[in-house]
Amino acid sequence: MDLAERYQALARGALLVAESAEDAYRLGALERFLKPWIRDRLHSLGVLLESCDTRRQLAEGTRAFAQSAANYSELRDQVFSDVHHTRPEPPWRIVGQKTMAIRAQCRVLLRQPTFVLRRLDVGSDVPGRSNLGLHVDR
């Protein structure tokens, strides 16, 4: 198996990690923000192989791929727990490189809102987007 095939296997593995987390930790209205975000992130990492000139760059790229998938899975677990378990008020969860922040409060006792702040790039196509990038799902 050559390097390109191994990198594609890593990409498929990272997507499997993301999809497994999505199946395990369903987040309702947050799906429309999180699913496109991780797929865009993995897609952008998938093309890094073309720009790797050294073994160190390759190591950094593959590590970023693996960490992104693992961090996404952990984020979904945390937010799912925020929504479904009674405990002290959860913190804002920072996503990626500060491109999005999520605050989902426990819905076990009361129907609490979920807040999503997202930095929108020019031309971003986000359903329900407002000019300020503030989204409140109830």
Protein backbone atom coordinates (compact mmCIF):
# COMPACT_ATOMS: atom_id res chain seq x y z
CA MET A 1 0.00 0.00 0.00
CA ASP A 2 1.50 3.33 -1.02
CA LEU A 3 1.37 6.55 0.98
CA ALA A 4 -1.67 7.97 -0.83
CA GLU A 5 -3.65 4.78 -0.12
CA ARG A 6 -2.64 4.84 3.53
CA TYR A 7 -3.67 8.50 3.80
CA GLN A 8 -7.05 7.67 2.24
CA ALA A 9 -7.44 4.86 4.79
CA LEU A 10 -6.77 7.42 7.53
CA ALA A 11 -9.43 9.70 6.03
CA ARG A 12 -11.96 6.85 5.99
CA GLY A 13 -11.03 5.99 9.58
CA ALA A 14 -11.47 9.58 10.74
CA LEU A 15 -14.89 9.72 9.07
CA LEU A 16 -15.80 6.42 10.75
CA VAL A 17 -14.91 7.91 14.14
CA ALA A 18 -17.10 10.96 13.39
CA GLU A 19 -20.03 8.88 12.16
CA SER A 20 -19.81 6.52 15.13
CA ALA A 21 -19.96 9.48 17.50
CA GLU A 22 -22.93 10.89 15.58
CA ASP A 23 -24.76 7.58 15.93
CA ALA A 24 -23.93 7.26 19.62
CA TYR A 25 -24.56 10.85 20.68
CA ARG A 26 -27.50 12.31 18.78
CA LEU A 27 -27.82 16.06 19.30
CA GLY A 28 -30.99 17.09 17.49
CA ALA A 29 -30.85 20.66 16.19
CA LEU A 30 -27.08 20.85 16.70
CA GLU A 31 -26.57 18.31 13.90
CA ARG A 32 -27.01 20.99 11.25
CA PHE A 33 -23.95 22.79 12.64
CA LEU A 34 -21.72 19.94 13.75
CA LYS A 35 -22.01 17.48 10.85
CA PRO A 36 -21.06 19.97 8.11
CA TRP A 37 -18.32 21.42 10.30
CA ILE A 38 -16.51 18.10 10.87
CA ARG A 39 -16.87 17.04 7.25
CA ASP A 40 -15.41 20.35 6.06
CA ARG A 41 -12.58 19.96 8.58
CA LEU A 42 -11.80 16.41 7.48
CA HIS A 43 -12.01 17.41 3.82
CA SER A 44 -9.52 20.23 4.37
CA LEU A 45 -7.18 17.82 6.15
CA GLY A 46 -7.61 15.26 3.38
CA VAL A 47 -5.82 17.46 0.88
CA LEU A 48 -2.82 18.14 3.15
CA LEU A 49 -0.93 15.15 1.74
CA GLU A 50 -0.41 17.08 -1.51
CA SER A 51 1.42 19.85 0.34
CA CYS A 52 3.59 17.66 2.59
CA ASP A 53 7.24 17.98 1.60
CA THR A 54 8.84 16.34 4.63
CA ARG A 55 8.17 13.44 6.98
CA ARG A 56 7.57 15.92 9.79
CA GLN A 57 4.86 17.69 7.81
CA LEU A 58 3.28 14.32 7.09
CA ALA A 59 3.41 13.42 10.80
CA GLU A 60 1.78 16.74 11.73
CA GLY A 61 -0.92 16.30 9.09
CA THR A 62 -1.80 12.76 10.10
CA ARG A 63 -1.82 13.74 13.77
CA ALA A 64 -4.20 16.65 13.01
CA PHE A 65 -6.47 14.24 11.15
CA ALA A 66 -6.59 11.77 14.02
CA GLN A 67 -6.96 14.48 16.68
CA SER A 68 -9.78 16.21 14.82
CA ALA A 69 -11.82 13.02 14.68
CA ALA A 70 -11.11 12.15 18.32
CA ASN A 71 -11.86 15.70 19.51
CA TYR A 72 -15.16 15.68 17.60
CA SER A 73 -16.18 12.42 19.21
CA GLU A 74 -15.29 13.75 22.66
CA LEU A 75 -17.17 17.01 22.00
CA ARG A 76 -20.33 15.13 21.04
CA ASP A 77 -20.04 13.00 24.18
CA GLN A 78 -19.66 16.12 26.35
CA VAL A 79 -22.54 18.03 24.76
CA PHE A 80 -24.78 14.94 24.91
CA SER A 81 -23.99 14.67 28.60
CA ASP A 82 -24.66 18.41 29.07
CA VAL A 83 -28.13 17.97 27.60
CA HIS A 84 -29.10 14.67 29.25
CA HIS A 85 -27.57 14.66 32.73
CA THR A 86 -28.49 16.79 35.71
CA ARG A 87 -25.39 18.52 37.09
CA PRO A 88 -23.97 22.03 37.48
CA GLU A 89 -24.43 24.37 34.54
CA PRO A 90 -22.17 23.32 31.65
CA PRO A 91 -19.47 25.55 30.19
CA TRP A 92 -19.28 26.85 26.66
CA ARG A 93 -17.70 24.15 24.48
CA ILE A 94 -15.19 25.62 22.03
CA VAL A 95 -15.10 23.83 18.69
CA GLY A 96 -12.10 23.61 16.42
CA GLN A 97 -9.87 26.62 16.24
CA LYS A 98 -12.44 28.88 17.91
CA THR A 99 -14.72 28.72 14.88
CA MET A 100 -17.75 27.71 16.93
CA ALA A 101 -18.88 27.63 20.54
CA ILE A 102 -21.78 25.60 21.94
CA ARG A 103 -23.61 25.84 25.22
CA ALA A 104 -26.22 23.16 25.71
CA GLN A 105 -27.99 23.06 29.04
CA CYS A 106 -29.67 20.11 30.71
CA ARG A 107 -33.11 19.34 29.31
CA VAL A 108 -33.99 16.62 31.80
CA LEU A 109 -35.99 18.82 34.18
CA LEU A 110 -36.68 21.92 32.07
CA ARG A 111 -36.64 22.63 28.36
CA GLN A 112 -33.50 24.77 28.19
CA PRO A 113 -32.22 26.55 25.07
CA THR A 114 -29.08 25.54 23.27
CA PHE A 115 -26.82 28.32 22.03
CA VAL A 116 -24.43 28.16 19.09
CA LEU A 117 -22.02 30.94 18.22
CA ARG A 118 -20.29 30.49 14.92
CA ARG A 119 -17.78 32.63 13.10
CA LEU A 120 -19.10 32.82 9.57
CA ASP A 121 -16.78 33.15 6.63
CA VAL A 122 -17.84 35.09 3.58
CA GLY A 123 -20.14 32.89 1.54
CA SER A 124 -20.93 30.47 4.37
CA ASP A 125 -24.15 28.58 3.78
CA VAL A 126 -25.61 27.81 7.20
CA PRO A 127 -29.31 27.02 7.55
CA GLY A 128 -31.06 29.55 9.78
CA ARG A 129 -28.06 31.84 9.77
CA SER A 130 -28.41 35.33 11.15
CA ASN A 131 -26.22 38.29 10.30
CA LEU A 132 -24.58 38.13 13.72
CA GLY A 133 -23.78 34.43 13.64
CA LEU A 134 -25.84 33.80 16.80
CA HIS A 135 -28.23 30.86 16.72
CA VAL A 136 -30.60 29.80 19.43
CA ASP A 137 -32.32 26.44 19.12
CA ARG A 138 -35.13 25.56 21.48
